[in-house]
C-alpha atoms as a PDB file:
ATOM      1  CA  MET A   1      -5.016  24.205  -1.713  1.00  0.00           C
ATOM      2  CA  LYS A   2      -3.828  27.769  -1.576  1.00  0.00           C
ATOM      3  CA  SER A   3      -5.997  29.707   0.879  1.00  0.00           C
ATOM      4  CA  SER A   4      -8.194  32.583  -0.301  1.00  0.00           C
ATOM      5  CA  ILE A   5      -7.855  36.184   0.907  1.00  0.00           C
ATOM      6  CA  LEU A   6     -11.292  36.081   2.484  1.00  0.00           C
ATOM      7  CA  ARG A   7     -11.569  34.061   5.686  1.00  0.00           C
ATOM      8  CA  SER A   8     -14.978  32.742   4.732  1.00  0.00           C
ATOM      9  CA  ALA A   9     -13.584  31.386   1.505  1.00  0.00           C
ATOM     10  CA  ALA A  10     -10.701  29.800   3.405  1.00  0.00           C
ATOM     11  CA  ALA A  11     -13.175  28.007   5.629  1.00  0.00           C
ATOM     12  CA  VAL A  12     -15.010  26.653   2.618  1.00  0.00           C
ATOM     13  CA  VAL A  13     -11.753  25.436   1.105  1.00  0.00           C
ATOM     14  CA  ALA A  14     -10.787  23.699   4.349  1.00  0.00           C
ATOM     15  CA  ALA A  15     -14.170  22.013   4.531  1.00  0.00           C
ATOM     16  CA  LEU A  16     -13.907  20.813   0.953  1.00  0.00           C
ATOM     17  CA  THR A  17     -10.422  19.441   1.647  1.00  0.00           C
ATOM     18  CA  MET A  18     -11.705  17.466   4.622  1.00  0.00           C
ATOM     19  CA  ALA A  19     -14.625  16.159   2.611  1.00  0.00           C
ATOM     20  CA  ALA A  20     -12.307  14.980  -0.145  1.00  0.00           C
ATOM     21  CA  GLY A  21     -10.216  13.074   2.402  1.00  0.00           C
ATOM     22  CA  ILE A  22     -13.288  11.454   3.945  1.00  0.00           C
ATOM     23  CA  GLY A  23     -14.495  10.488   0.497  1.00  0.00           C
ATOM     24  CA  GLY A  24     -11.377   8.390  -0.029  1.00  0.00           C
ATOM     25  CA  CYS A  25      -9.959  10.349  -2.952  1.00  0.00           C
ATOM     26  CA  SER A  26      -6.357   9.310  -3.545  1.00  0.00           C
ATOM     27  CA  THR A  27      -4.041  12.330  -3.497  1.00  0.00           C
ATOM     28  CA  GLU A  28      -0.321  13.066  -3.380  1.00  0.00           C
ATOM     29  CA  LYS A  29       1.305  16.003  -1.578  1.00  0.00           C
ATOM     30  CA  SER A  30       1.929  18.857  -3.994  1.00  0.00           C
ATOM     31  CA  ASP A  31       4.991  21.047  -4.471  1.00  0.00           C
ATOM     32  CA  SER A  32       2.783  23.822  -5.809  1.00  0.00           C
ATOM     33  CA  GLY A  33       2.492  27.305  -4.406  1.00  0.00           C
ATOM     34  CA  SER A  34       0.416  28.385  -7.393  1.00  0.00           C
ATOM     35  CA  GLY A  35      -2.972  30.004  -7.629  1.00  0.00           C
ATOM     36  CA  ASN A  36      -6.323  28.279  -7.416  1.00  0.00           C
ATOM     37  CA  SER A  37      -8.498  27.388 -10.340  1.00  0.00           C
ATOM     38  CA  SER A  38     -12.107  28.525 -10.226  1.00  0.00           C
ATOM     39  CA  LYS A  39     -15.559  26.951 -10.474  1.00  0.00           C
ATOM     40  CA  LYS A  40     -16.146  23.214 -10.098  1.00  0.00           C
ATOM     41  CA  ALA A  41     -13.034  21.182  -9.293  1.00  0.00           C
ATOM     42  CA  LEU A  42     -11.903  18.782 -11.978  1.00  0.00           C
ATOM     43  CA  ASN A  43     -12.198  15.065 -11.292  1.00  0.00           C
ATOM     44  CA  VAL A  44      -8.946  13.544 -12.579  1.00  0.00           C
ATOM     45  CA  VAL A  45      -7.576   9.999 -12.646  1.00  0.00           C
ATOM     46  CA  ALA A  46      -3.786   9.659 -12.905  1.00  0.00           C
ATOM     47  CA  SER A  47      -2.138   6.319 -13.536  1.00  0.00           C
ATOM     48  CA  THR A  48       0.900   6.967 -11.315  1.00  0.00           C
ATOM     49  CA  GLY A  49       1.768   9.090  -8.323  1.00  0.00           C
ATOM     50  CA  TYR A  50       4.233  11.075 -10.409  1.00  0.00           C
ATOM     51  CA  LEU A  51       1.416  12.121 -12.738  1.00  0.00           C
ATOM     52  CA  GLY A  52      -0.963  12.675  -9.836  1.00  0.00           C
ATOM     53  CA  ASP A  53       1.560  15.060  -8.304  1.00  0.00           C
ATOM     54  CA  ALA A  54       1.888  16.905 -11.615  1.00  0.00           C
ATOM     55  CA  VAL A  55      -1.897  17.339 -11.724  1.00  0.00           C
ATOM     56  CA  HIS A  56      -1.907  18.728  -8.171  1.00  0.00           C
ATOM     57  CA  ASN A  57       0.712  21.294  -9.105  1.00  0.00           C
ATOM     58  CA  ILE A  58      -1.159  22.298 -12.254  1.00  0.00           C
ATOM     59  CA  ALA A  59      -4.698  22.208 -10.830  1.00  0.00           C
ATOM     60  CA  PRO A  60      -4.436  22.461  -7.012  1.00  0.00           C
ATOM     61  CA  ASP A  61      -8.214  22.206  -6.585  1.00  0.00           C
ATOM     62  CA  ALA A  62      -8.573  19.012  -8.619  1.00  0.00           C
ATOM     63  CA  LYS A  63      -9.824  15.799  -7.079  1.00  0.00           C
ATOM     64  CA  VAL A  64      -7.221  13.214  -8.061  1.00  0.00           C
ATOM     65  CA  LYS A  65      -7.379   9.433  -7.918  1.00  0.00           C
ATOM     66  CA  VAL A  66      -4.018   7.705  -8.384  1.00  0.00           C
ATOM     67  CA  LEU A  67      -4.268   4.142  -9.667  1.00  0.00           C
ATOM     68  CA  VAL A  68      -0.792   2.805  -8.813  1.00  0.00           C
ATOM     69  CA  LYS A  69      -0.244   3.109  -5.085  1.00  0.00           C
ATOM     70  CA  PRO A  70       3.146   3.366  -3.301  1.00  0.00           C
ATOM     71  CA  GLY A  71       5.197   0.259  -4.031  1.00  0.00           C
ATOM     72  CA  GLY A  72       3.008  -0.652  -7.001  1.00  0.00           C
ATOM     73  CA  ASP A  73       4.163  -1.533 -10.505  1.00  0.00           C
ATOM     74  CA  PRO A  74       2.386   0.216 -13.403  1.00  0.00           C
ATOM     75  CA  HIS A  75       3.853  -2.308 -15.847  1.00  0.00           C
ATOM     76  CA  THR A  76       1.913  -5.200 -14.339  1.00  0.00           C
ATOM     77  CA  GLN A  77      -1.048  -3.613 -12.544  1.00  0.00           C
ATOM     78  CA  GLU A  78      -4.503  -4.278 -13.944  1.00  0.00           C
ATOM     79  CA  LEU A  79      -7.585  -2.141 -13.485  1.00  0.00           C
ATOM     80  CA  SER A  80     -10.102  -3.163 -10.842  1.00  0.00           C
ATOM     81  CA  THR A  81     -13.830  -2.723 -11.343  1.00  0.00           C
ATOM     82  CA  GLY A  82     -13.629   0.365  -9.144  1.00  0.00           C
ATOM     83  CA  ASP A  83     -10.777   1.755 -11.235  1.00  0.00           C
ATOM     84  CA  ILE A  84     -12.776   1.311 -14.434  1.00  0.00           C
ATOM     85  CA  GLU A  85     -15.753   3.083 -12.897  1.00  0.00           C
ATOM     86  CA  ALA A  86     -13.485   5.927 -11.768  1.00  0.00           C
ATOM     87  CA  ILE A  87     -11.928   6.491 -15.184  1.00  0.00           C
ATOM     88  CA  GLU A  88     -15.340   6.428 -16.846  1.00  0.00           C
ATOM     89  CA  LYS A  89     -16.641   9.101 -14.457  1.00  0.00           C
ATOM     90  CA  ALA A  90     -13.476  11.233 -14.566  1.00  0.00           C
ATOM     91  CA  ASP A  91     -13.273  14.545 -16.391  1.00  0.00           C
ATOM     92  CA  ALA A  92      -9.704  13.700 -17.414  1.00  0.00           C
ATOM     93  CA  VAL A  93      -7.397  10.675 -17.338  1.00  0.00           C
ATOM     94  CA  VAL A  94      -3.632  11.246 -17.413  1.00  0.00           C
ATOM     95  CA  TRP A  95      -1.288   8.344 -18.099  1.00  0.00           C
ATOM     96  CA  THR A  96       2.312   7.884 -19.184  1.00  0.00           C
ATOM     97  CA  GLY A  97       2.128   6.008 -22.477  1.00  0.00           C
ATOM     98  CA  HIS A  98       5.002   4.185 -24.211  1.00  0.00           C
ATOM     99  CA  ASP A  99       3.601   0.903 -22.856  1.00  0.00           C
ATOM    100  CA  MET A 100       4.215   1.886 -19.222  1.00  0.00           C
ATOM    101  CA  GLU A 101       0.655   0.952 -18.236  1.00  0.00           C
ATOM    102  CA  HIS A 102       0.657  -2.239 -20.309  1.00  0.00           C
ATOM    103  CA  HIS A 103      -2.493  -3.796 -18.843  1.00  0.00           C
ATOM    104  CA  MET A 104      -4.441  -0.531 -18.583  1.00  0.00           C
ATOM    105  CA  MET A 105      -3.803   1.271 -21.846  1.00  0.00           C
ATOM    106  CA  ASP A 106      -6.563  -0.425 -23.842  1.00  0.00           C
ATOM    107  CA  HIS A 107      -9.089   1.038 -21.401  1.00  0.00           C
ATOM    108  CA  PHE A 108      -7.466   4.465 -21.597  1.00  0.00           C
ATOM    109  CA  ASP A 109      -7.418   4.496 -25.392  1.00  0.00           C
ATOM    110  CA  LYS A 110     -11.199   4.072 -25.451  1.00  0.00           C
ATOM    111  CA  LEU A 111     -11.768   7.281 -23.482  1.00  0.00           C
ATOM    112  CA  GLY A 112     -11.417   9.622 -26.435  1.00  0.00           C
ATOM    113  CA  ASN A 113     -10.432  13.239 -25.923  1.00  0.00           C
ATOM    114  CA  LYS A 114     -10.561  13.189 -22.132  1.00  0.00           C
ATOM    115  CA  GLN A 115      -7.398  11.083 -21.867  1.00  0.00           C
ATOM    116  CA  VAL A 116      -3.766  11.968 -22.541  1.00  0.00           C
ATOM    117  CA  PRO A 117      -0.674   9.707 -22.660  1.00  0.00           C
ATOM    118  CA  ALA A 118       1.415  12.648 -21.508  1.00  0.00           C
ATOM    119  CA  ALA A 119       4.882  11.191 -22.114  1.00  0.00           C
ATOM    120  CA  GLU A 120       4.082  10.762 -25.795  1.00  0.00           C
ATOM    121  CA  SER A 121       4.454  14.542 -26.079  1.00  0.00           C
ATOM    122  CA  ILE A 122       8.224  14.175 -25.592  1.00  0.00           C
ATOM    123  CA  PRO A 123      10.216  14.579 -28.832  1.00  0.00           C
ATOM    124  CA  GLU A 124      11.454  11.220 -30.086  1.00  0.00           C
ATOM    125  CA  SER A 125      15.022  12.534 -30.138  1.00  0.00           C
ATOM    126  CA  ASP A 126      14.861  12.919 -26.345  1.00  0.00           C
ATOM    127  CA  LEU A 127      13.621   9.377 -25.735  1.00  0.00           C
ATOM    128  CA  LEU A 128      15.791   6.324 -25.106  1.00  0.00           C
ATOM    129  CA  PRO A 129      15.222   3.036 -26.940  1.00  0.00           C
ATOM    130  CA  TRP A 130      13.749   0.146 -24.985  1.00  0.00           C
ATOM    131  CA  GLU A 131      15.440  -3.202 -25.547  1.00  0.00           C
ATOM    132  CA  GLU A 132      13.880  -6.575 -24.785  1.00  0.00           C
ATOM    133  CA  ASP A 133      15.481  -9.914 -25.669  1.00  0.00           C
ATOM    134  CA  GLY A 134      18.060  -8.126 -27.783  1.00  0.00           C
ATOM    135  CA  LYS A 135      15.444  -6.268 -29.828  1.00  0.00           C
ATOM    136  CA  ILE A 136      14.388  -2.620 -29.717  1.00  0.00           C
ATOM    137  CA  GLU A 137      10.764  -2.462 -28.559  1.00  0.00           C
ATOM    138  CA  GLY A 138       9.697   1.175 -28.600  1.00  0.00           C
ATOM    139  CA  HIS A 139      10.959   3.689 -26.049  1.00  0.00           C
ATOM    140  CA  ASP A 140      11.940   3.590 -22.392  1.00  0.00           C
ATOM    141  CA  PRO A 141       8.854   4.842 -20.505  1.00  0.00           C
ATOM    142  CA  HIS A 142      10.620   5.867 -17.264  1.00  0.00           C
ATOM    143  CA  VAL A 143      10.784   9.455 -18.469  1.00  0.00           C
ATOM    144  CA  TRP A 144      10.430  11.191 -15.081  1.00  0.00           C
ATOM    145  CA  ASN A 145      14.100  10.437 -14.372  1.00  0.00           C
ATOM    146  CA  SER A 146      14.906  13.088 -16.965  1.00  0.00           C
ATOM    147  CA  PRO A 147      13.714  16.422 -15.544  1.00  0.00           C
ATOM    148  CA  ASP A 148      13.744  17.924 -19.036  1.00  0.00           C
ATOM    149  CA  ASN A 149      11.473  15.162 -20.316  1.00  0.00           C
ATOM    150  CA  TRP A 150       9.181  15.531 -17.330  1.00  0.00           C
ATOM    151  CA  LYS A 151       8.679  19.178 -18.174  1.00  0.00           C
ATOM    152  CA  TYR A 152       7.153  18.093 -21.495  1.00  0.00           C
ATOM    153  CA  VAL A 153       4.790  15.850 -19.522  1.00  0.00           C
ATOM    154  CA  VAL A 154       3.756  18.793 -17.329  1.00  0.00           C
ATOM    155  CA  ILE A 155       3.083  20.966 -20.377  1.00  0.00           C
ATOM    156  CA  ALA A 156       1.016  18.236 -22.067  1.00  0.00           C
ATOM    157  CA  THR A 157      -0.987  17.648 -18.886  1.00  0.00           C
ATOM    158  CA  ALA A 158      -1.685  21.354 -18.402  1.00  0.00           C
ATOM    159  CA  LYS A 159      -2.771  21.637 -22.033  1.00  0.00           C
ATOM    160  CA  LYS A 160      -5.190  18.708 -21.760  1.00  0.00           C
ATOM    161  CA  LEU A 161      -6.722  20.000 -18.520  1.00  0.00           C
ATOM    162  CA  GLY A 162      -7.117  23.398 -20.169  1.00  0.00           C
ATOM    163  CA  GLU A 163      -8.893  21.848 -23.150  1.00  0.00           C
ATOM    164  CA  ILE A 164     -11.343  20.139 -20.809  1.00  0.00           C
ATOM    165  CA  ASP A 165     -11.768  23.105 -18.448  1.00  0.00           C
ATOM    166  CA  LYS A 166     -11.368  26.123 -20.717  1.00  0.00           C
ATOM    167  CA  THR A 167     -12.335  28.586 -17.968  1.00  0.00           C
ATOM    168  CA  ASN A 168      -9.150  27.764 -16.087  1.00  0.00           C
ATOM    169  CA  ALA A 169      -6.869  27.059 -19.052  1.00  0.00           C
ATOM    170  CA  ASP A 170      -4.675  30.113 -18.419  1.00  0.00           C
ATOM    171  CA  THR A 171      -4.322  29.205 -14.742  1.00  0.00           C
ATOM    172  CA  TYR A 172      -3.292  25.648 -15.578  1.00  0.00           C
ATOM    173  CA  LYS A 173      -0.741  26.925 -18.095  1.00  0.00           C
ATOM    174  CA  LYS A 174       0.783  29.370 -15.593  1.00  0.00           C
ATOM    175  CA  ASN A 175       0.831  26.775 -12.824  1.00  0.00           C
ATOM    176  CA  GLY A 176       2.545  24.306 -15.141  1.00  0.00           C
ATOM    177  CA  GLU A 177       5.174  26.882 -16.039  1.00  0.00           C
ATOM    178  CA  ALA A 178       5.771  27.650 -12.348  1.00  0.00           C
ATOM    179  CA  TYR A 179       6.101  23.943 -11.565  1.00  0.00           C
ATOM    180  CA  ASN A 180       8.580  23.473 -14.409  1.00  0.00           C
ATOM    181  CA  LYS A 181      10.776  26.168 -12.878  1.00  0.00           C
ATOM    182  CA  LYS A 182      10.854  24.085  -9.692  1.00  0.00           C
ATOM    183  CA  ILE A 183      11.781  21.044 -11.764  1.00  0.00           C
ATOM    184  CA  ASP A 184      14.700  23.024 -13.214  1.00  0.00           C
ATOM    185  CA  GLU A 185      15.805  23.820  -9.665  1.00  0.00           C
ATOM    186  CA  GLY A 186      15.526  20.145  -8.713  1.00  0.00           C
ATOM    187  CA  LYS A 187      17.625  19.143 -11.716  1.00  0.00           C
ATOM    188  CA  LYS A 188      20.348  21.600 -10.713  1.00  0.00           C
ATOM    189  CA  LYS A 189      20.401  20.431  -7.079  1.00  0.00           C
ATOM    190  CA  ALA A 190      20.691  16.793  -8.146  1.00  0.00           C
ATOM    191  CA  GLY A 191      23.550  17.668 -10.484  1.00  0.00           C
ATOM    192  CA  GLU A 192      25.437  19.355  -7.657  1.00  0.00           C
ATOM    193  CA  LEU A 193      25.061  16.173  -5.615  1.00  0.00           C
ATOM    194  CA  PHE A 194      26.141  13.786  -8.380  1.00  0.00           C
ATOM    195  CA  ASN A 195      29.217  15.927  -9.041  1.00  0.00           C
ATOM    196  CA  GLN A 196      30.458  14.818  -5.610  1.00  0.00           C
ATOM    197  CA  ILE A 197      30.841  11.255  -6.932  1.00  0.00           C
ATOM    198  CA  PRO A 198      34.231  10.558  -8.556  1.00  0.00           C
ATOM    199  CA  LYS A 199      33.707   9.790 -12.242  1.00  0.00           C
ATOM    200  CA  ASP A 200      35.092   6.258 -11.952  1.00  0.00           C
ATOM    201  CA  ARG A 201      32.485   5.488  -9.261  1.00  0.00           C
ATOM    202  CA  ARG A 202      29.459   6.692 -11.191  1.00  0.00           C
ATOM    203  CA  ILE A 203      28.060   3.208 -11.725  1.00  0.00           C
ATOM    204  CA  LEU A 204      24.536   2.583 -10.451  1.00  0.00           C
ATOM    205  CA  VAL A 205      23.298  -0.995  -9.988  1.00  0.00           C
ATOM    206  CA  THR A 206      19.619  -1.259  -9.059  1.00  0.00           C
ATOM    207  CA  GLY A 207      16.841  -3.785  -8.777  1.00  0.00           C
ATOM    208  CA  HIS A 208      14.689  -2.208 -11.497  1.00  0.00           C
ATOM    209  CA  ASP A 209      15.653  -0.848 -14.900  1.00  0.00           C
ATOM    210  CA  ALA A 210      14.067   2.569 -14.373  1.00  0.00           C
ATOM    211  CA  PHE A 211      17.080   4.867 -14.188  1.00  0.00           C
ATOM    212  CA  ASN A 212      18.499   5.054 -17.716  1.00  0.00           C
ATOM    213  CA  TYR A 213      17.292   8.632 -18.193  1.00  0.00           C
ATOM    214  CA  LEU A 214      18.974   9.579 -14.930  1.00  0.00           C
ATOM    215  CA  GLY A 215      22.176   8.064 -16.263  1.00  0.00           C
ATOM    216  CA  LYS A 216      21.903   9.946 -19.543  1.00  0.00           C
ATOM    217  CA  THR A 217      21.226  13.250 -17.779  1.00  0.00           C
ATOM    218  CA  TYR A 218      24.051  13.032 -15.249  1.00  0.00           C
ATOM    219  CA  GLY A 219      26.653  10.775 -16.864  1.00  0.00           C
ATOM    220  CA  ILE A 220      26.025   7.707 -14.695  1.00  0.00           C
ATOM    221  CA  GLU A 221      26.473   4.139 -15.972  1.00  0.00           C
ATOM    222  CA  ILE A 222      23.290   2.162 -15.234  1.00  0.00           C
ATOM    223  CA  HIS A 223      22.761  -1.567 -14.651  1.00  0.00           C
ATOM    224  CA  ALA A 224      19.701  -3.394 -13.296  1.00  0.00           C
ATOM    225  CA  THR A 225      18.748  -6.896 -12.224  1.00  0.00           C
ATOM    226  CA  ASP A 226      15.312  -6.763 -13.837  1.00  0.00           C
ATOM    227  CA  PHE A 227      13.970  -5.157 -16.950  1.00  0.00           C
ATOM    228  CA  VAL A 228      10.538  -3.927 -17.944  1.00  0.00           C
ATOM    229  CA  SER A 229       8.767  -4.949 -14.736  1.00  0.00           C
ATOM    230  CA  SER A 230       9.282  -6.295 -11.234  1.00  0.00           C
ATOM    231  CA  GLU A 231       8.432  -9.755 -12.610  1.00  0.00           C
ATOM    232  CA  SER A 232      11.172  -9.783 -15.281  1.00  0.00           C
ATOM    233  CA  GLU A 233      14.635 -10.821 -14.127  1.00  0.00           C
ATOM    234  CA  MET A 234      18.089 -11.379 -15.619  1.00  0.00           C
ATOM    235  CA  SER A 235      19.269 -14.804 -16.660  1.00  0.00           C
ATOM    236  CA  ALA A 236      21.944 -16.602 -14.645  1.00  0.00           C
ATOM    237  CA  ALA A 237      24.526 -15.663 -17.283  1.00  0.00           C
ATOM    238  CA  GLN A 238      23.552 -11.999 -17.122  1.00  0.00           C
ATOM    239  CA  ILE A 239      23.740 -12.027 -13.321  1.00  0.00           C
ATOM    240  CA  ASP A 240      27.193 -13.594 -13.598  1.00  0.00           C
ATOM    241  CA  ASN A 241      28.386 -10.907 -16.022  1.00  0.00           C
ATOM    242  CA  LEU A 242      27.056  -8.123 -13.817  1.00  0.00           C
ATOM    243  CA  ALA A 243      28.681  -9.704 -10.752  1.00  0.00           C
ATOM    244  CA  LYS A 244      32.012  -9.720 -12.609  1.00  0.00           C
ATOM    245  CA  LEU A 245      31.594  -6.025 -13.426  1.00  0.00           C
ATOM    246  CA  ILE A 246      30.881  -5.197  -9.777  1.00  0.00           C
ATOM    247  CA  ALA A 247      33.871  -7.202  -8.567  1.00  0.00           C
ATOM    248  CA  ASP A 248      36.232  -5.807 -11.221  1.00  0.00           C
ATOM    249  CA  LYS A 249      35.142  -2.186 -10.726  1.00  0.00           C
ATOM    250  CA  LYS A 250      35.056  -2.608  -6.932  1.00  0.00           C
ATOM    251  CA  ILE A 251      31.539  -1.155  -6.770  1.00  0.00           C
ATOM    252  CA  LYS A 252      30.804  -0.929  -3.071  1.00  0.00           C
ATOM    253  CA  THR A 253      27.014  -0.453  -2.978  1.00  0.00           C
ATOM    254  CA  ILE A 254      24.039  -1.731  -4.971  1.00  0.00           C
ATOM    255  CA  PHE A 255      20.408  -0.769  -4.503  1.00  0.00           C
ATOM    256  CA  GLN A 256      16.998  -2.294  -4.094  1.00  0.00           C
ATOM    257  CA  ASP A 257      13.970  -0.204  -4.952  1.00  0.00           C
ATOM    258  CA  ASN A 258      10.446   0.266  -3.685  1.00  0.00           C
ATOM    259  CA  LEU A 259       8.984  -2.297  -6.109  1.00  0.00           C
ATOM    260  CA  LYS A 260       9.920  -4.951  -3.550  1.00  0.00           C
ATOM    261  CA  ASN A 261      11.777  -7.487  -5.710  1.00  0.00           C
ATOM    262  CA  PRO A 262      14.766  -8.323  -3.479  1.00  0.00           C
ATOM    263  CA  GLU A 263      15.657 -11.836  -4.656  1.00  0.00           C
ATOM    264  CA  ALA A 264      17.632 -10.782  -7.737  1.00  0.00           C
ATOM    265  CA  ILE A 265      19.691  -8.299  -5.710  1.00  0.00           C
ATOM    266  CA  LYS A 266      20.348 -11.012  -3.115  1.00  0.00           C
ATOM    267  CA  HIS A 267      21.513 -13.434  -5.823  1.00  0.00           C
ATOM    268  CA  LEU A 268      23.701 -10.731  -7.325  1.00  0.00           C
ATOM    269  CA  LYS A 269      25.401 -10.060  -3.999  1.00  0.00           C
ATOM    270  CA  GLU A 270      26.095 -13.788  -3.620  1.00  0.00           C
ATOM    271  CA  ALA A 271      27.492 -13.953  -7.157  1.00  0.00           C
ATOM    272  CA  VAL A 272      29.847 -11.049  -6.414  1.00  0.00           C
ATOM    273  CA  ALA A 273      31.099 -12.851  -3.297  1.00  0.00           C
ATOM    274  CA  ALA A 274      31.710 -15.989  -5.361  1.00  0.00           C
ATOM    275  CA  LYS A 275      34.056 -13.934  -7.551  1.00  0.00           C
ATOM    276  CA  GLY A 276      36.029 -12.740  -4.550  1.00  0.00           C
ATOM    277  CA  GLY A 277      34.332  -9.375  -4.383  1.00  0.00           C
ATOM    278  CA  SER A 278      32.289  -7.693  -1.688  1.00  0.00           C
ATOM    279  CA  VAL A 279      29.298  -5.432  -2.145  1.00  0.00           C
ATOM    280  CA  THR A 280      26.748  -3.940   0.235  1.00  0.00           C
ATOM    281  CA  VAL A 281      23.038  -3.661  -0.467  1.00  0.00           C
ATOM    282  CA  SER A 282      21.928  -0.168   0.544  1.00  0.00           C
ATOM    283  CA  ASP A 283      19.466  -0.094   3.424  1.00  0.00           C
ATOM    284  CA  LYS A 284      17.786   2.854   1.688  1.00  0.00           C
ATOM    285  CA  PRO A 285      15.760   1.760  -1.347  1.00  0.00           C
ATOM    286  CA  LEU A 286      15.507   3.944  -4.413  1.00  0.00           C
ATOM    287  CA  TYR A 287      12.080   4.999  -5.642  1.00  0.00           C
ATOM    288  CA  ALA A 288      11.392   3.644  -9.103  1.00  0.00           C
ATOM    289  CA  ASP A 289       7.920   3.455 -10.672  1.00  0.00           C
ATOM    290  CA  SER A 290       5.855   4.708  -7.746  1.00  0.00           C
ATOM    291  CA  LEU A 291       6.081   7.360  -5.051  1.00  0.00           C
ATOM    292  CA  GLY A 292       6.371   6.754  -1.331  1.00  0.00           C
ATOM    293  CA  GLU A 293       3.652   7.140   1.273  1.00  0.00           C
ATOM    294  CA  LYS A 294       5.143   9.976   3.338  1.00  0.00           C
ATOM    295  CA  ALA A 295       7.168  13.149   2.829  1.00  0.00           C
ATOM    296  CA  PRO A 296       9.573  13.776   1.292  1.00  0.00           C
ATOM    297  CA  VAL A 297       9.071  10.866  -1.101  1.00  0.00           C
ATOM    298  CA  ASP A 298       5.356  11.463  -1.706  1.00  0.00           C
ATOM    299  CA  THR A 299       6.074  13.990  -4.484  1.00  0.00           C
ATOM    300  CA  TYR A 300       8.049  13.860  -7.718  1.00  0.00           C
ATOM    301  CA  LEU A 301      10.583  16.467  -6.619  1.00  0.00           C
ATOM    302  CA  GLY A 302      10.874  14.835  -3.207  1.00  0.00           C
ATOM    303  CA  VAL A 303      11.680  11.463  -4.776  1.00  0.00           C
ATOM    304  CA  PHE A 304      14.138  12.985  -7.233  1.00  0.00           C
ATOM    305  CA  GLN A 305      16.058  14.721  -4.450  1.00  0.00           C
ATOM    306  CA  TYR A 306      15.926  11.648  -2.184  1.00  0.00           C
ATOM    307  CA  ASN A 307      17.242   9.349  -4.921  1.00  0.00           C
ATOM    308  CA  ALA A 308      20.039  11.792  -5.762  1.00  0.00           C
ATOM    309  CA  GLU A 309      21.077  12.087  -2.111  1.00  0.00           C
ATOM    310  CA  THR A 310      20.886   8.328  -1.529  1.00  0.00           C
ATOM    311  CA  ILE A 311      22.939   7.462  -4.610  1.00  0.00           C
ATOM    312  CA  THR A 312      25.533  10.154  -3.912  1.00  0.00           C
ATOM    313  CA  ASN A 313      26.007   9.243  -0.257  1.00  0.00           C
ATOM    314  CA  ALA A 314      26.521   5.589  -1.166  1.00  0.00           C
ATOM    315  CA  LEU A 315      28.877   6.022  -4.119  1.00  0.00           C
ATOM    316  CA  LYS A 316      31.020   9.083  -3.345  1.00  0.00           C
END
């Protein structure tokens, strides 16, 4: 939280922060330098760390519980009894939408006006189609890998929090706008990094199909060894085709991610070797559907910068 001018107020804020930590409230480190909201702190549940971080930047005083912990998969995670109790008691529940939280969304939909599937605020023209088994099934939910799309999510989240806490609506709006300026800066920095990669090397092969928006934004060809979730893998024929691409294009590095599904990447590396090629698996995983535990990858902007640096250093 941003400290108050008065020392006594600062002491109160510090005490409240300690109490929140003792109480076991799940929080993510914020990139915000924005002003405090006033009165009683909002109690917010966010489905993912990315959304939890957005809430912290919009409402720095909010108590935030993040459902999907570092390394978790929002596609497959189900709500525990404690999670259900938390969302019922929350003032607001922020989730992605577009079937990202497949096993949770029925519970969220029942919460009425206190919930918001924030990514559903993104114009359809800015969304990518989601293909499963050769059929289009809605839209790709991994929208945070487009900074421009994520700004829509921030605006929608700030609007919902302002509807619930009207006293601080203007503060939430201003904080959201300030955070979006930082997202613009992050987008620019990532672009400067990706420009260091020769165009013929801008091919990203990962363990999870979460980076298509990144590819669209920065002109990177994207391939993955699994699809909608960490439990969904390519067929042997698809692995073989991807291995041929890697060998033919002489792609030197492929990536695992923090969803911890290494077997497909291992099989892919072996398939490349069988075709006379050679590829290295990066020892630095990319961050896909969840944040990391420690800085710098415990915030959205930290992850975005880390992924950009990791990809660039491996492919340039």
